[in-house]
């Protein structure tokens, strides 16, 4: 997920540092970042936000999410 890369770069954190701060395994974070895991749960996103010291609102406040198509029509 590109957004995690952006935020890590902004906060000058490595993926390893983020996983430690968030209490999420590094393999899980790697899978999310590399696109192996496509349906990341909100609980995991909340943990990553806590590790980044940001709100969920801030996480989703990005142009990356502004043009997503609706999944259910």
C-alpha atoms as a PDB file:
ATOM      1  CA  UNK A   1       0.000   0.000   0.000  1.00  0.00           C
ATOM      2  CA  UNK A   2       1.559   3.202  -1.216  1.00  0.00           C
ATOM      3  CA  UNK A   3       0.144   5.253   1.645  1.00  0.00           C
ATOM      4  CA  UNK A   4       2.202   3.378   4.243  1.00  0.00           C
ATOM      5  CA  UNK A   5       5.375   4.067   2.241  1.00  0.00           C
ATOM      6  CA  UNK A   6       4.472   7.767   2.051  1.00  0.00           C
ATOM      7  CA  UNK A   7       3.871   8.016   5.775  1.00  0.00           C
ATOM      8  CA  UNK A   8       7.018   6.081   6.699  1.00  0.00           C
ATOM      9  CA  UNK A   9       9.059   8.377   4.485  1.00  0.00           C
ATOM     10  CA  UNK A  10       7.357  11.441   5.991  1.00  0.00           C
ATOM     11  CA  UNK A  11       8.060  10.180   9.532  1.00  0.00           C
ATOM     12  CA  UNK A  12      11.541   8.867   8.597  1.00  0.00           C
ATOM     13  CA  UNK A  13      10.613   5.354   9.740  1.00  0.00           C
ATOM     14  CA  UNK A  14      11.663   2.052   8.256  1.00  0.00           C
ATOM     15  CA  UNK A  15       9.101  -0.706   7.788  1.00  0.00           C
ATOM     16  CA  UNK A  16      10.827  -2.545  10.637  1.00  0.00           C
ATOM     17  CA  UNK A  17      10.549   0.467  12.948  1.00  0.00           C
ATOM     18  CA  UNK A  18       6.877   0.876  12.046  1.00  0.00           C
ATOM     19  CA  UNK A  19       6.122  -2.784  12.709  1.00  0.00           C
ATOM     20  CA  UNK A  20       7.795  -2.558  16.125  1.00  0.00           C
ATOM     21  CA  UNK A  21       5.999   0.679  17.041  1.00  0.00           C
ATOM     22  CA  UNK A  22       2.641  -0.675  15.851  1.00  0.00           C
ATOM     23  CA  UNK A  23       2.936  -4.128  17.391  1.00  0.00           C
ATOM     24  CA  UNK A  24       2.373  -5.738  13.990  1.00  0.00           C
ATOM     25  CA  UNK A  25       4.744  -8.352  12.632  1.00  0.00           C
ATOM     26  CA  UNK A  26       7.179  -7.141  10.011  1.00  0.00           C
ATOM     27  CA  UNK A  27       6.008  -9.861   7.626  1.00  0.00           C
ATOM     28  CA  UNK A  28       2.448  -8.529   7.879  1.00  0.00           C
ATOM     29  CA  UNK A  29       3.565  -4.974   7.151  1.00  0.00           C
ATOM     30  CA  UNK A  30       5.736  -6.221   4.271  1.00  0.00           C
ATOM     31  CA  UNK A  31       2.778  -8.136   2.823  1.00  0.00           C
ATOM     32  CA  UNK A  32       0.598  -5.022   3.010  1.00  0.00           C
ATOM     33  CA  UNK A  33       3.231  -2.762   1.468  1.00  0.00           C
ATOM     34  CA  UNK A  34       4.110  -5.241  -1.280  1.00  0.00           C
ATOM     35  CA  UNK A  35       0.466  -5.817  -2.177  1.00  0.00           C
ATOM     36  CA  UNK A  36       0.451  -9.472  -1.143  1.00  0.00           C
ATOM     37  CA  UNK A  37      -2.331  -8.687   1.313  1.00  0.00           C
ATOM     38  CA  UNK A  38      -5.057  -6.741  -0.464  1.00  0.00           C
ATOM     39  CA  UNK A  39      -7.779  -6.612   2.200  1.00  0.00           C
ATOM     40  CA  UNK A  40      -6.095  -5.241   5.275  1.00  0.00           C
ATOM     41  CA  UNK A  41      -8.437  -5.115   8.254  1.00  0.00           C
ATOM     42  CA  UNK A  42      -9.286  -1.869   9.988  1.00  0.00           C
ATOM     43  CA  UNK A  43      -7.758  -3.181  13.234  1.00  0.00           C
ATOM     44  CA  UNK A  44      -4.387  -3.570  11.532  1.00  0.00           C
ATOM     45  CA  UNK A  45      -4.687  -0.146   9.913  1.00  0.00           C
ATOM     46  CA  UNK A  46      -5.508   1.345  13.336  1.00  0.00           C
ATOM     47  CA  UNK A  47      -2.414  -0.308  14.835  1.00  0.00           C
ATOM     48  CA  UNK A  48      -0.271   1.077  12.008  1.00  0.00           C
ATOM     49  CA  UNK A  49      -1.770   4.528  12.567  1.00  0.00           C
ATOM     50  CA  UNK A  50      -0.957   4.252  16.272  1.00  0.00           C
ATOM     51  CA  UNK A  51       2.619   3.287  15.356  1.00  0.00           C
ATOM     52  CA  UNK A  52       2.815   6.288  13.038  1.00  0.00           C
ATOM     53  CA  UNK A  53       1.197   8.490  15.716  1.00  0.00           C
ATOM     54  CA  UNK A  54      -1.555   9.625  13.355  1.00  0.00           C
ATOM     55  CA  UNK A  55      -5.323   9.296  13.258  1.00  0.00           C
ATOM     56  CA  UNK A  56      -7.183   7.000  10.903  1.00  0.00           C
ATOM     57  CA  UNK A  57      -8.655  10.166   9.378  1.00  0.00           C
ATOM     58  CA  UNK A  58      -5.144  11.419   8.579  1.00  0.00           C
ATOM     59  CA  UNK A  59      -4.245   8.016   7.104  1.00  0.00           C
ATOM     60  CA  UNK A  60      -7.126   8.153   4.613  1.00  0.00           C
ATOM     61  CA  UNK A  61      -6.710  11.884   3.924  1.00  0.00           C
ATOM     62  CA  UNK A  62      -4.749  11.344   0.732  1.00  0.00           C
ATOM     63  CA  UNK A  63      -5.316  11.712  -2.987  1.00  0.00           C
ATOM     64  CA  UNK A  64      -4.594   7.976  -3.221  1.00  0.00           C
ATOM     65  CA  UNK A  65      -8.074   7.334  -1.822  1.00  0.00           C
ATOM     66  CA  UNK A  66     -10.037  10.104  -3.547  1.00  0.00           C
ATOM     67  CA  UNK A  67     -10.697   8.316  -6.847  1.00  0.00           C
ATOM     68  CA  UNK A  68     -11.428   4.792  -5.684  1.00  0.00           C
ATOM     69  CA  UNK A  69     -14.347   3.100  -7.381  1.00  0.00           C
ATOM     70  CA  UNK A  70     -17.187   1.820  -5.298  1.00  0.00           C
ATOM     71  CA  UNK A  71     -16.863  -1.942  -4.780  1.00  0.00           C
ATOM     72  CA  UNK A  72     -20.580  -2.658  -4.344  1.00  0.00           C
ATOM     73  CA  UNK A  73     -22.994  -1.054  -6.768  1.00  0.00           C
END
